[in-house]
Structure formats: structure tokens, C-alpha cells
Amino acid sequence: MDKTYKRPDAIMPIPSGFCPGCLHATAIKLIAEVVGELGQNDNALHVLPVGCSALNLLYWKGDMIGAAHGRAPAVATGIKRCRPERLVFAYQGDGDLAAIGLAEIIAAAARGEKFTVIFANNSTYGMTGGQMAPTTLIGQKSTTSVYGRDVADTGYPMKMCELISTLEAPVYVARFALNTPKGINSAKKGIKKAFELQLAGAGFTFVELLTNCPTNWRLSPLGSLDYMESNTVPYFKPGVYKEAV
């Protein structure tokens, strides 16, 4: 009997260590599937950040290199300039990318560096204890905003796709939500589009994936998907924000 599904070759054959219901696992599977479908298993190079995303060190079978907190775009820049034939991508969380690494991502995007950043936005610092992140929603509770994010004190959640799409150099900027099968399928197409543009030498590509954090949100896995549908998706609207090629 033919198999209808198998583990992507770019992922190690070990159980996931992400929390139950965490959509990081789904995001990594999508990336690995696209890498395999494009025939890039031996050519892809994964830049690891700091945070839950760094658990990919355990699961990714291909080449990897670590970066200091927030500095994945700077590391990816050096790699891609030295090895332009490689498929280079960074997979970063919101604290890593939008707070500690904000200058790095904006500078790389503004320069039009020819690699891809995949941004997993779950509106919290997942690994370090559930603190408020730049993308924490208005009124959303965290360990550092126990009564909910207050705009008067901490401002508004940052919309990275909207911000990056205002720059001249990026050629593809898009956001997808992973809380539904339709969103997952759209996300895979978006990741493939970004990688294809990179392989064609077109320029900087940025894909935001709306994810969850059942553990730090203090919700069940299913409850976190409902929260995304009611709160995350209306604020961070999915869509293609820039497609210059």
C-alpha cells in the first residue's frame, strides 16, 4: 500500500520536544517539506536564533549555524554573501526578531539581502517564561503584564509585515496563520514562493507565521487555536503585503 504521508527528509526521526499543541512543530514541518520538494535538502542552511526556535537544533537534519540572540539576519547576511548558491533561511520568534533583533532585521531587509526570514509570531517570549513581547496583543496577559498589555504604558503590538513592506528592497513579504488547515496550506505556498524567489536571486523575502503558545497563554491546545481566531488573526491580518517580482 502506498503511503499518503511521510516525515520530511530534512527532519530527524525523533519525537518532537515542543509543548503539546505548539505550532512551531507545524511550521518546521512545512519548511522541511518545501525544502525537500525544491530538491534543497543538501543545499539548505538553517540559521538558528535563540528561543524555542533554537530547538530545531535537535530536529533539523541539514546544515545549521547558531546566532546570538536577535542576530540571525546578520549571520545569514554573511553566509549568503559568501555562499550565494546556498538556500539560506533564518527561523526566528517574535522576541528574538522584533525586540532584541529589531535593528538586525530592518537593516537586512533595507539592504535587500538575498535570504529568507521566517518569523514565528506567538505574541510571547516562549522559552524564557512568557514575558510580554513586542507582538503581545492589547490586553493579553503575560508574566510581565499580569493585568494585560496596557497601550498607555507599553504602546501597541508591532506589525512586522506592515513595517518591512514599507521598505524598498524586499521582494516578498507575507503573513499566514497556522490555526486552520486552510492557513497551513497557504503558509506552505508562501514559504515555497519565498524560497523560489531566493533561489532565483530576486532579493530579501519575509514570511510571518502566526503561531500559538498554549503553555504561556495558559490555554489548552484547542483553546489556543480559538484565541488565535478571535484575537491574533483580526489584529495581525494574514495576506501578501508586498510582492515585487
Protein backbone atom coordinates (compact mmCIF):
# COMPACT_ATOMS: atom_id res chain seq x y z
CA MET A 1 0.00 0.00 0.00
CA ASP A 2 1.34 3.42 -0.95
CA LYS A 3 1.98 5.88 1.84
CA THR A 4 0.00 9.11 1.73
CA TYR A 5 2.39 10.90 4.07
CA LYS A 6 5.91 10.51 5.40
CA ARG A 7 8.20 12.53 7.58
CA PRO A 8 10.13 15.11 5.53
CA ASP A 9 13.70 14.00 4.89
CA ALA A 10 15.06 17.25 6.38
CA ILE A 11 13.70 16.37 9.85
CA MET A 12 15.36 13.88 12.18
CA PRO A 13 13.30 10.74 13.02
CA ILE A 14 12.81 11.63 16.69
CA PRO A 15 9.74 12.77 18.67
CA SER A 16 9.04 16.49 18.91
CA GLY A 17 10.08 18.23 22.10
CA PHE A 18 7.81 21.24 21.60
CA CYS A 19 4.98 21.65 24.10
CA PRO A 20 1.74 19.81 23.24
CA GLY A 21 -0.22 21.79 20.69
CA CYS A 22 2.63 24.17 19.85
CA LEU A 23 2.52 25.23 16.21
CA HIS A 24 6.31 25.53 15.99
CA ALA A 25 6.22 21.84 15.07
CA THR A 26 3.80 22.54 12.22
CA ALA A 27 5.92 25.44 10.96
CA ILE A 28 9.09 23.36 10.93
CA LYS A 29 7.31 20.55 9.09
CA LEU A 30 6.16 22.98 6.40
CA ILE A 31 9.65 24.38 5.93
CA ALA A 32 11.13 20.89 5.69
CA GLU A 33 8.50 19.79 3.17
CA VAL A 34 9.22 22.79 0.95
CA VAL A 35 12.98 22.29 1.19
CA GLY A 36 12.54 18.69 0.07
CA GLU A 37 10.11 19.49 -2.72
CA LEU A 38 12.54 22.05 -4.11
CA GLY A 39 15.37 19.49 -4.02
CA GLN A 40 17.32 21.58 -1.50
CA ASN A 41 17.90 19.13 1.35
CA ASP A 42 21.67 19.20 0.81
CA ASN A 43 21.81 22.88 -0.11
CA ALA A 44 19.68 24.49 2.59
CA LEU A 45 21.38 26.22 5.52
CA HIS A 46 19.33 26.96 8.62
CA VAL A 47 20.39 29.90 10.80
CA LEU A 48 19.36 29.19 14.40
CA PRO A 49 18.34 32.03 16.73
CA VAL A 50 17.80 31.98 20.50
CA GLY A 51 14.47 30.88 21.94
CA CYS A 52 12.08 27.99 21.28
CA SER A 53 13.07 28.22 17.61
CA ALA A 54 16.54 27.00 18.56
CA LEU A 55 15.08 23.58 19.35
CA ASN A 56 15.41 22.99 15.63
CA LEU A 57 18.99 22.11 16.50
CA LEU A 58 17.57 18.76 17.63
CA TYR A 59 15.29 18.14 14.65
CA TRP A 60 16.86 19.64 11.54
CA LYS A 61 18.98 17.15 9.61
CA GLY A 62 20.79 19.60 7.32
CA ASP A 63 23.42 22.27 7.81
CA MET A 64 22.86 24.73 10.66
CA ILE A 65 24.70 27.61 12.27
CA GLY A 66 23.86 29.38 15.52
CA ALA A 67 23.49 33.10 16.06
CA ALA A 68 23.48 35.32 19.11
CA HIS A 69 20.07 36.50 20.33
CA GLY A 70 18.48 38.61 17.60
CA ARG A 71 21.47 38.43 15.28
CA ALA A 72 20.29 35.71 12.88
CA PRO A 73 19.84 38.20 9.98
CA ALA A 74 23.42 39.42 10.42
CA VAL A 75 24.75 35.86 10.40
CA ALA A 76 22.56 34.97 7.41
CA THR A 77 23.90 38.01 5.58
CA GLY A 78 27.49 36.82 5.95
CA ILE A 79 26.65 33.27 4.88
CA LYS A 80 24.64 34.27 1.84
CA ARG A 81 27.23 36.76 0.63
CA CYS A 82 29.95 34.14 0.94
CA ARG A 83 27.86 31.26 -0.43
CA PRO A 84 25.23 32.80 -2.71
CA GLU A 85 24.29 29.40 -4.14
CA ARG A 86 23.00 28.15 -0.77
CA LEU A 87 19.35 28.32 0.28
CA VAL A 88 19.78 30.35 3.49
CA PHE A 89 16.92 30.92 5.91
CA ALA A 90 16.55 32.14 9.48
CA TYR A 91 13.62 30.96 11.61
CA GLN A 92 13.01 33.50 14.40
CA GLY A 93 10.48 34.11 17.14
CA ASP A 94 8.94 37.48 17.98
CA GLY A 95 11.15 38.31 20.96
CA ASP A 96 14.26 37.36 19.02
CA LEU A 97 13.28 39.24 15.85
CA ALA A 98 11.07 42.15 16.89
CA ALA A 99 12.78 43.16 20.14
CA ILE A 100 16.40 42.16 20.58
CA GLY A 101 16.96 41.80 16.84
CA LEU A 102 14.83 44.64 15.51
CA ALA A 103 17.80 46.60 14.15
CA GLU A 104 19.19 43.46 12.50
CA ILE A 105 16.01 42.52 10.64
CA ILE A 106 15.27 46.07 9.48
CA ALA A 107 18.83 46.61 8.28
CA ALA A 108 18.96 43.31 6.39
CA ALA A 109 15.59 43.98 4.77
CA ALA A 110 16.55 47.54 3.84
CA ARG A 111 19.75 46.30 2.20
CA GLY A 112 17.82 43.67 0.27
CA GLU A 113 19.96 40.77 1.45
CA LYS A 114 19.09 37.73 -0.65
CA PHE A 115 17.99 35.28 2.03
CA THR A 116 14.69 34.38 3.68
CA VAL A 117 13.45 35.08 7.19
CA ILE A 118 10.58 33.02 8.55
CA PHE A 119 9.07 34.79 11.55
CA ALA A 120 7.09 32.70 14.06
CA ASN A 121 4.85 35.15 15.90
CA ASN A 122 3.18 33.72 19.02
CA SER A 123 2.97 37.05 20.89
CA THR A 124 5.14 35.99 23.81
CA TYR A 125 8.65 35.18 24.95
CA GLY A 126 8.08 31.43 24.93
CA MET A 127 11.31 29.91 26.20
CA THR A 128 12.22 32.46 28.87
CA GLY A 129 8.98 32.43 30.84
CA GLY A 130 6.12 34.05 28.97
CA GLN A 131 7.10 37.71 29.28
CA MET A 132 5.41 40.39 27.20
CA ALA A 133 6.88 40.60 23.70
CA PRO A 134 6.71 43.36 21.07
CA THR A 135 3.82 41.47 19.46
CA THR A 136 1.84 40.75 22.67
CA LEU A 137 -1.74 41.80 21.97
CA ILE A 138 -3.57 44.64 23.69
CA GLY A 139 -5.00 43.29 26.93
CA GLN A 140 -3.12 40.00 26.62
CA LYS A 141 -1.73 38.82 29.94
CA SER A 142 1.87 37.73 30.43
CA THR A 143 4.28 37.28 33.30
CA THR A 144 5.32 40.93 32.90
CA SER A 145 1.84 42.28 32.09
CA VAL A 146 -0.26 40.40 34.61
CA TYR A 147 -3.29 42.64 34.08
CA GLY A 148 -2.93 42.63 30.32
CA ARG A 149 -0.91 44.78 27.93
CA ASP A 150 -1.70 48.45 28.52
CA VAL A 151 -1.16 50.68 25.50
CA ALA A 152 -0.63 53.73 27.71
CA ASP A 153 2.39 52.07 29.30
CA THR A 154 3.87 49.85 26.59
CA GLY A 155 2.47 51.00 23.27
CA TYR A 156 0.89 48.91 20.55
CA PRO A 157 1.88 45.44 19.29
CA MET A 158 4.36 45.70 16.42
CA LYS A 159 3.18 44.64 12.97
CA MET A 160 6.35 43.43 11.31
CA CYS A 161 4.95 42.62 7.86
CA GLU A 162 3.45 46.06 7.58
CA LEU A 163 6.71 47.64 8.73
CA ILE A 164 9.02 45.66 6.44
CA SER A 165 6.74 46.06 3.44
CA THR A 166 7.32 49.84 3.51
CA LEU A 167 10.99 49.31 2.66
CA GLU A 168 12.11 49.47 -0.96
CA ALA A 169 14.31 46.38 -1.16
CA PRO A 170 12.20 43.38 -0.01
CA VAL A 171 10.64 41.43 -2.87
CA TYR A 172 8.15 39.30 -0.92
CA VAL A 173 6.51 39.99 2.44
CA ALA A 174 3.57 37.87 3.59
CA ARG A 175 1.74 36.68 6.71
CA PHE A 176 -0.12 33.41 7.26
CA ALA A 177 -1.99 31.92 10.23
CA LEU A 178 -1.37 28.29 11.19
CA ASN A 179 -4.54 27.73 13.24
CA THR A 180 -6.57 26.23 10.37
CA PRO A 181 -5.88 23.71 7.57
CA LYS A 182 -6.53 26.45 5.01
CA GLY A 183 -4.00 28.71 6.70
CA ILE A 184 -1.43 25.93 6.87
CA ASN A 185 -1.80 25.20 3.14
CA SER A 186 -1.47 28.90 2.33
CA ALA A 187 1.62 29.16 4.55
CA LYS A 188 3.32 26.33 2.71
CA LYS A 189 2.71 28.06 -0.62
CA GLY A 190 4.09 31.30 0.83
CA ILE A 191 7.25 29.63 2.13
CA LYS A 192 7.77 27.98 -1.25
CA LYS A 193 7.31 31.31 -3.01
CA ALA A 194 9.89 32.95 -0.74
CA PHE A 195 12.42 30.17 -1.27
CA GLU A 196 11.91 30.15 -5.04
CA LEU A 197 12.50 33.89 -5.20
CA GLN A 198 15.65 33.48 -3.15
CA LEU A 199 16.96 30.71 -5.39
CA ALA A 200 16.29 32.97 -8.38
CA GLY A 201 18.41 35.68 -6.75
CA ALA A 202 15.50 38.11 -6.54
CA GLY A 203 16.12 39.63 -3.11
CA PHE A 204 15.02 39.66 0.54
CA THR A 205 11.96 37.58 1.41
CA PHE A 206 10.00 37.58 4.68
CA VAL A 207 7.26 35.18 5.76
CA GLU A 208 5.42 35.69 9.05
CA LEU A 209 3.65 32.68 10.56
CA LEU A 210 1.06 33.33 13.26
CA THR A 211 1.52 30.62 15.87
CA ASN A 212 0.44 29.90 19.45
CA CYS A 213 1.89 29.19 22.89
CA PRO A 214 -0.57 27.07 24.89
CA THR A 215 1.83 26.84 27.83
CA ASN A 216 2.41 30.56 28.38
CA TRP A 217 -1.05 31.59 27.23
CA ARG A 218 -2.41 29.25 29.94
CA LEU A 219 -4.78 27.64 27.44
CA SER A 220 -5.40 24.16 26.11
CA PRO A 221 -4.10 23.46 22.59
CA LEU A 222 -7.62 23.79 21.16
CA GLY A 223 -8.29 26.85 23.30
CA SER A 224 -5.17 28.50 21.91
CA LEU A 225 -6.44 27.99 18.35
CA ASP A 226 -9.73 29.63 19.30
CA TYR A 227 -7.80 32.51 20.87
CA MET A 228 -5.84 32.95 17.66
CA GLU A 229 -9.01 33.07 15.58
CA SER A 230 -10.70 35.61 17.86
CA ASN A 231 -7.71 37.78 18.78
CA THR A 232 -4.46 37.15 16.87
CA VAL A 233 -5.80 36.93 13.33
CA PRO A 234 -8.01 40.06 13.49
CA TYR A 235 -5.06 42.18 14.66
CA PHE A 236 -2.30 40.59 12.55
CA LYS A 237 -4.23 40.22 9.32
CA PRO A 238 -2.92 37.45 7.04
CA GLY A 239 -2.11 38.32 3.45
CA VAL A 240 0.62 39.21 0.98
CA TYR A 241 1.93 42.65 1.92
CA LYS A 242 4.48 43.02 -0.83
CA GLU A 243 5.25 41.07 -3.99
CA ALA A 244 7.70 42.96 -6.14
CA VAL A 245 8.66 40.16 -8.53
